[in-house]
C-alpha atoms as a PDB file:
ATOM      1  CA  MET A   1       0.000   0.000   0.000  1.00  0.00           C
ATOM      2  CA  ARG A   2       1.295   3.435  -0.839  1.00  0.00           C
ATOM      3  CA  ALA A   3       1.298   6.204   1.761  1.00  0.00           C
ATOM      4  CA  ILE A   4      -1.557   8.680   1.355  1.00  0.00           C
ATOM      5  CA  VAL A   5      -3.435  11.435   3.140  1.00  0.00           C
ATOM      6  CA  THR A   6      -6.935  10.191   4.023  1.00  0.00           C
ATOM      7  CA  ALA A   7      -8.347  13.285   5.767  1.00  0.00           C
ATOM      8  CA  VAL A   8      -7.361  16.844   6.688  1.00  0.00           C
ATOM      9  CA  SER A   9      -8.694  18.948   9.562  1.00  0.00           C
ATOM     10  CA  ARG A  10      -8.243  22.323  11.208  1.00  0.00           C
ATOM     11  CA  SER A  11      -9.832  24.492  13.878  1.00  0.00           C
ATOM     12  CA  PRO A  12      -9.331  28.233  14.379  1.00  0.00           C
ATOM     13  CA  THR A  13     -10.014  27.815  18.118  1.00  0.00           C
ATOM     14  CA  HIS A  14      -8.389  25.696  20.812  1.00  0.00           C
ATOM     15  CA  THR A  15     -10.777  22.754  20.635  1.00  0.00           C
ATOM     16  CA  PHE A  16      -9.765  19.144  21.201  1.00  0.00           C
ATOM     17  CA  SER A  17     -11.321  17.903  17.962  1.00  0.00           C
ATOM     18  CA  LYS A  18     -10.913  19.589  14.583  1.00  0.00           C
ATOM     19  CA  PRO A  19     -13.558  19.472  11.848  1.00  0.00           C
ATOM     20  CA  ALA A  20     -12.532  17.661   8.679  1.00  0.00           C
ATOM     21  CA  THR A  21     -12.321  19.810   5.558  1.00  0.00           C
ATOM     22  CA  GLU A  22     -11.608  19.372   1.850  1.00  0.00           C
ATOM     23  CA  VAL A  23      -8.196  21.063   1.913  1.00  0.00           C
ATOM     24  CA  ILE A  24      -5.728  22.620   4.347  1.00  0.00           C
ATOM     25  CA  ARG A  25      -2.978  25.070   3.455  1.00  0.00           C
ATOM     26  CA  LEU A  26       0.410  24.581   5.103  1.00  0.00           C
ATOM     27  CA  ALA A  27       2.427  27.787   5.553  1.00  0.00           C
ATOM     28  CA  ALA A  28       6.231  27.503   5.737  1.00  0.00           C
ATOM     29  CA  GLY A  29       7.552  28.102   9.248  1.00  0.00           C
ATOM     30  CA  LEU A  30       4.053  28.584  10.658  1.00  0.00           C
ATOM     31  CA  GLY A  31       1.811  25.534  10.314  1.00  0.00           C
ATOM     32  CA  VAL A  32      -1.770  25.056   9.166  1.00  0.00           C
ATOM     33  CA  GLU A  33      -3.511  28.251   8.051  1.00  0.00           C
ATOM     34  CA  ASP A  34      -6.738  28.960   9.970  1.00  0.00           C
ATOM     35  CA  ASP A  35      -5.676  26.604  12.787  1.00  0.00           C
ATOM     36  CA  ALA A  36      -5.231  27.682  16.414  1.00  0.00           C
ATOM     37  CA  HIS A  37      -1.695  26.227  16.498  1.00  0.00           C
ATOM     38  CA  LEU A  38      -0.394  28.380  13.602  1.00  0.00           C
ATOM     39  CA  GLY A  39       2.741  30.317  14.523  1.00  0.00           C
ATOM     40  CA  ARG A  40       6.505  30.345  14.912  1.00  0.00           C
ATOM     41  CA  THR A  41       6.234  30.096  18.708  1.00  0.00           C
ATOM     42  CA  VAL A  42       4.264  27.587  20.814  1.00  0.00           C
ATOM     43  CA  LYS A  43       0.472  27.792  20.749  1.00  0.00           C
ATOM     44  CA  HIS A  44      -0.503  24.899  23.050  1.00  0.00           C
ATOM     45  CA  ARG A  45      -1.853  26.660  26.120  1.00  0.00           C
ATOM     46  CA  SER A  46       0.165  24.707  28.696  1.00  0.00           C
ATOM     47  CA  ARG A  47       3.399  25.422  26.824  1.00  0.00           C
ATOM     48  CA  VAL A  48       2.549  29.101  26.354  1.00  0.00           C
ATOM     49  CA  ALA A  49       2.006  29.357  30.122  1.00  0.00           C
ATOM     50  CA  ARG A  50       5.531  27.987  30.748  1.00  0.00           C
ATOM     51  CA  ASP A  51       7.395  29.969  28.071  1.00  0.00           C
ATOM     52  CA  PRO A  52       5.603  31.693  25.189  1.00  0.00           C
ATOM     53  CA  THR A  53       8.905  32.258  23.336  1.00  0.00           C
ATOM     54  CA  GLN A  54       9.575  28.529  22.719  1.00  0.00           C
ATOM     55  CA  PRO A  55       9.765  27.562  19.041  1.00  0.00           C
ATOM     56  CA  ASN A  56       6.637  25.834  17.753  1.00  0.00           C
ATOM     57  CA  LEU A  57       7.750  22.265  17.018  1.00  0.00           C
ATOM     58  CA  ARG A  58       4.082  21.216  16.924  1.00  0.00           C
ATOM     59  CA  GLN A  59       2.846  23.153  13.872  1.00  0.00           C
ATOM     60  CA  VAL A  60       1.210  20.091  12.266  1.00  0.00           C
ATOM     61  CA  HIS A  61      -0.208  16.992  13.970  1.00  0.00           C
ATOM     62  CA  LEU A  62      -0.240  13.782  11.897  1.00  0.00           C
ATOM     63  CA  LEU A  63      -2.048  10.630  12.924  1.00  0.00           C
ATOM     64  CA  HIS A  64      -1.974   7.205  11.309  1.00  0.00           C
ATOM     65  CA  GLY A  65      -5.462   6.082  10.320  1.00  0.00           C
ATOM     66  CA  GLU A  66      -4.619   2.593  11.479  1.00  0.00           C
ATOM     67  CA  LEU A  67      -4.898   3.903  15.069  1.00  0.00           C
ATOM     68  CA  LEU A  68      -8.507   4.911  14.450  1.00  0.00           C
ATOM     69  CA  GLU A  69      -9.215   1.371  13.218  1.00  0.00           C
ATOM     70  CA  GLU A  70      -7.560  -0.037  16.360  1.00  0.00           C
ATOM     71  CA  LEU A  71      -9.609   2.277  18.590  1.00  0.00           C
ATOM     72  CA  ARG A  72     -12.856   1.365  16.816  1.00  0.00           C
ATOM     73  CA  ALA A  73     -12.046  -2.339  17.284  1.00  0.00           C
ATOM     74  CA  ALA A  74     -11.620  -1.601  21.016  1.00  0.00           C
ATOM     75  CA  GLY A  75     -15.105  -0.079  21.119  1.00  0.00           C
ATOM     76  CA  PHE A  76     -14.328   3.631  20.783  1.00  0.00           C
ATOM     77  CA  ASP A  77     -16.416   5.691  18.362  1.00  0.00           C
ATOM     78  CA  VAL A  78     -13.867   7.989  16.712  1.00  0.00           C
ATOM     79  CA  ALA A  79     -13.584   9.664  13.304  1.00  0.00           C
ATOM     80  CA  ALA A  80     -11.076  11.774  11.376  1.00  0.00           C
ATOM     81  CA  GLY A  81     -10.133  15.003  13.160  1.00  0.00           C
ATOM     82  CA  GLN A  82     -11.609  13.980  16.484  1.00  0.00           C
ATOM     83  CA  LEU A  83      -8.218  13.356  18.114  1.00  0.00           C
ATOM     84  CA  GLY A  84      -7.058  16.826  17.089  1.00  0.00           C
ATOM     85  CA  GLU A  85      -4.939  15.801  14.134  1.00  0.00           C
ATOM     86  CA  ASN A  86      -4.483  17.997  11.072  1.00  0.00           C
ATOM     87  CA  ILE A  87      -3.531  15.154   8.739  1.00  0.00           C
ATOM     88  CA  LEU A  88      -4.741  11.559   8.867  1.00  0.00           C
ATOM     89  CA  THR A  89      -2.581   9.079   6.932  1.00  0.00           C
ATOM     90  CA  ALA A  90      -2.762   5.503   5.682  1.00  0.00           C
ATOM     91  CA  GLY A  91       0.019   3.126   4.658  1.00  0.00           C
ATOM     92  CA  LEU A  92       2.804   4.905   6.575  1.00  0.00           C
ATOM     93  CA  ASP A  93       4.345   3.835   9.897  1.00  0.00           C
ATOM     94  CA  LEU A  94       4.494   7.351  11.341  1.00  0.00           C
ATOM     95  CA  LEU A  95       5.611   6.150  14.777  1.00  0.00           C
ATOM     96  CA  GLY A  96       8.530   4.223  13.247  1.00  0.00           C
ATOM     97  CA  LEU A  97       9.996   7.231  11.438  1.00  0.00           C
ATOM     98  CA  PRO A  98      13.136   8.820  12.864  1.00  0.00           C
ATOM     99  CA  THR A  99      13.324  12.418  14.042  1.00  0.00           C
ATOM    100  CA  GLY A 100      14.062  14.722  11.108  1.00  0.00           C
ATOM    101  CA  THR A 101      12.199  12.651   8.504  1.00  0.00           C
ATOM    102  CA  ARG A 102      10.830  14.891   5.773  1.00  0.00           C
ATOM    103  CA  LEU A 103       7.511  14.220   4.109  1.00  0.00           C
ATOM    104  CA  ARG A 104       6.230  15.666   0.829  1.00  0.00           C
ATOM    105  CA  LEU A 105       2.466  15.939   0.916  1.00  0.00           C
ATOM    106  CA  GLY A 106       0.751  16.419  -2.425  1.00  0.00           C
ATOM    107  CA  ASN A 107       2.526  18.544  -5.006  1.00  0.00           C
ATOM    108  CA  THR A 108       4.419  21.140  -2.980  1.00  0.00           C
ATOM    109  CA  ALA A 109       3.969  20.934   0.795  1.00  0.00           C
ATOM    110  CA  ARG A 110       6.946  19.631   2.759  1.00  0.00           C
ATOM    111  CA  ILE A 111       7.177  19.025   6.492  1.00  0.00           C
ATOM    112  CA  GLU A 112       9.769  17.703   8.933  1.00  0.00           C
ATOM    113  CA  ILE A 113       8.863  15.343  11.773  1.00  0.00           C
ATOM    114  CA  THR A 114       9.966  16.805  15.124  1.00  0.00           C
ATOM    115  CA  GLY A 115       8.664  14.198  17.564  1.00  0.00           C
ATOM    116  CA  LEU A 116       5.769  12.347  19.147  1.00  0.00           C
ATOM    117  CA  ARG A 117       2.519  13.778  20.390  1.00  0.00           C
ATOM    118  CA  ASN A 118       2.339  13.159  24.111  1.00  0.00           C
ATOM    119  CA  PRO A 119      -1.291  12.172  24.759  1.00  0.00           C
ATOM    120  CA  CYS A 120      -2.936  13.861  27.749  1.00  0.00           C
ATOM    121  CA  TYR A 121      -6.063  13.680  29.912  1.00  0.00           C
ATOM    122  CA  GLN A 122      -8.118  15.481  27.228  1.00  0.00           C
ATOM    123  CA  ILE A 123      -8.314  12.183  25.358  1.00  0.00           C
ATOM    124  CA  ASP A 124     -10.174  10.683  28.335  1.00  0.00           C
ATOM    125  CA  ASP A 125     -12.393  13.774  28.479  1.00  0.00           C
ATOM    126  CA  PHE A 126     -13.268  13.085  24.828  1.00  0.00           C
ATOM    127  CA  ARG A 127     -13.868   9.325  25.298  1.00  0.00           C
ATOM    128  CA  PRO A 128     -13.421   7.871  28.811  1.00  0.00           C
ATOM    129  CA  GLY A 129     -10.728   5.178  28.830  1.00  0.00           C
ATOM    130  CA  MET A 130      -9.219   6.200  25.500  1.00  0.00           C
ATOM    131  CA  LEU A 131      -5.983   7.545  27.004  1.00  0.00           C
ATOM    132  CA  ARG A 132      -5.032   4.040  28.090  1.00  0.00           C
ATOM    133  CA  ALA A 133      -5.844   2.799  24.564  1.00  0.00           C
ATOM    134  CA  VAL A 134      -3.362   5.211  22.940  1.00  0.00           C
ATOM    135  CA  LEU A 135      -0.567   4.183  25.301  1.00  0.00           C
ATOM    136  CA  ASP A 136       1.183   0.824  25.252  1.00  0.00           C
ATOM    137  CA  ARG A 137       4.376  -0.893  26.394  1.00  0.00           C
ATOM    138  CA  ASP A 138       7.034  -2.421  24.172  1.00  0.00           C
ATOM    139  CA  PRO A 139       8.623  -5.825  24.994  1.00  0.00           C
ATOM    140  CA  GLN A 140      11.213  -4.049  27.176  1.00  0.00           C
ATOM    141  CA  GLY A 141       8.456  -2.311  29.167  1.00  0.00           C
ATOM    142  CA  ARG A 142       9.073   1.168  27.714  1.00  0.00           C
ATOM    143  CA  LEU A 143       6.088   3.459  27.195  1.00  0.00           C
ATOM    144  CA  VAL A 144       4.810   3.635  23.590  1.00  0.00           C
ATOM    145  CA  ARG A 145       2.845   6.754  22.668  1.00  0.00           C
ATOM    146  CA  LYS A 146       0.518   6.000  19.743  1.00  0.00           C
ATOM    147  CA  ALA A 147      -1.250   9.384  19.403  1.00  0.00           C
ATOM    148  CA  GLY A 148       0.661  10.542  16.320  1.00  0.00           C
ATOM    149  CA  VAL A 149       3.594  12.734  15.448  1.00  0.00           C
ATOM    150  CA  MET A 150       4.262  16.445  15.258  1.00  0.00           C
ATOM    151  CA  ALA A 151       5.992  18.374  12.491  1.00  0.00           C
ATOM    152  CA  VAL A 152       7.071  21.793  11.260  1.00  0.00           C
ATOM    153  CA  VAL A 153       6.323  23.138   7.793  1.00  0.00           C
ATOM    154  CA  LEU A 154       9.340  23.544   5.484  1.00  0.00           C
ATOM    155  CA  GLU A 155       7.535  24.393   2.231  1.00  0.00           C
ATOM    156  CA  SER A 156       4.039  25.784   1.803  1.00  0.00           C
ATOM    157  CA  GLY A 157       1.314  23.993  -0.088  1.00  0.00           C
ATOM    158  CA  ASP A 158      -2.211  22.634  -0.121  1.00  0.00           C
ATOM    159  CA  VAL A 159      -2.931  19.162   1.272  1.00  0.00           C
ATOM    160  CA  ARG A 160      -6.045  17.140   0.411  1.00  0.00           C
ATOM    161  CA  PRO A 161      -7.391  13.659   1.037  1.00  0.00           C
ATOM    162  CA  GLY A 162      -5.959  11.313  -1.596  1.00  0.00           C
ATOM    163  CA  ASP A 163      -2.622  13.158  -1.821  1.00  0.00           C
ATOM    164  CA  ALA A 164       0.442  10.937  -1.971  1.00  0.00           C
ATOM    165  CA  ILE A 165       3.039  11.089   0.800  1.00  0.00           C
ATOM    166  CA  ALA A 166       6.719  10.771  -0.158  1.00  0.00           C
ATOM    167  CA  VAL A 167       9.223   9.959   2.598  1.00  0.00           C
ATOM    168  CA  ASP A 168      12.797  11.287   2.790  1.00  0.00           C
ATOM    169  CA  LEU A 169      14.704   9.774   5.725  1.00  0.00           C
ATOM    170  CA  PRO A 170      17.529  11.757   7.353  1.00  0.00           C
ATOM    171  CA  ALA A 171      21.109  10.557   7.118  1.00  0.00           C
ATOM    172  CA  PRO A 172      22.040   7.904   9.694  1.00  0.00           C
ATOM    173  CA  PRO A 173      22.423   7.499  12.543  1.00  0.00           C
ATOM    174  CA  HIS A 174      18.676   7.833  13.037  1.00  0.00           C
ATOM    175  CA  ARG A 175      17.234   9.194  16.287  1.00  0.00           C
ATOM    176  CA  ALA A 176      14.036   7.649  17.590  1.00  0.00           C
ATOM    177  CA  LEU A 177      11.089   9.974  18.057  1.00  0.00           C
ATOM    178  CA  GLU A 178      10.596  11.498  21.501  1.00  0.00           C
ATOM    179  CA  PRO A 179       7.712  13.602  22.803  1.00  0.00           C
ATOM    180  CA  VAL A 180       7.756  17.283  21.818  1.00  0.00           C
END
């Protein structure tokens, strides 16, 4: 299966879920136009409270659609955009990508993966018990965060459902994703 965008979402206000739309515009160095997290500096309220001058490493939130299938199989009713992601993907192991991986989305948009989304209590506020479902343990007992990855925008462009995703891995040695 080739890697594709299956849905795109944005919200101009700080809401947990984001309504799906036909197209989003990525703006270089800023993020998703008309989204509350657009900007060069942090926009997540808890991070702004700590230090509003921090660089925004969370301009775009990507989530693998396979997680939604897993959550539905576990009994959670969840659809595209409801976990706050801007871009829902299929056919791409987002969590297995190294830090610094660059993705081309559609014809011109390019982003760089900065790290993992660290899921928080808001997921349980959305669907009780879901936080536990997006966390796991690997065979060594280490915490696995399955709530997607974060990225910054390198090149502007429109992104739509059905757009192909091209992957450009950074030069080795690769660094595993960590929460940002």
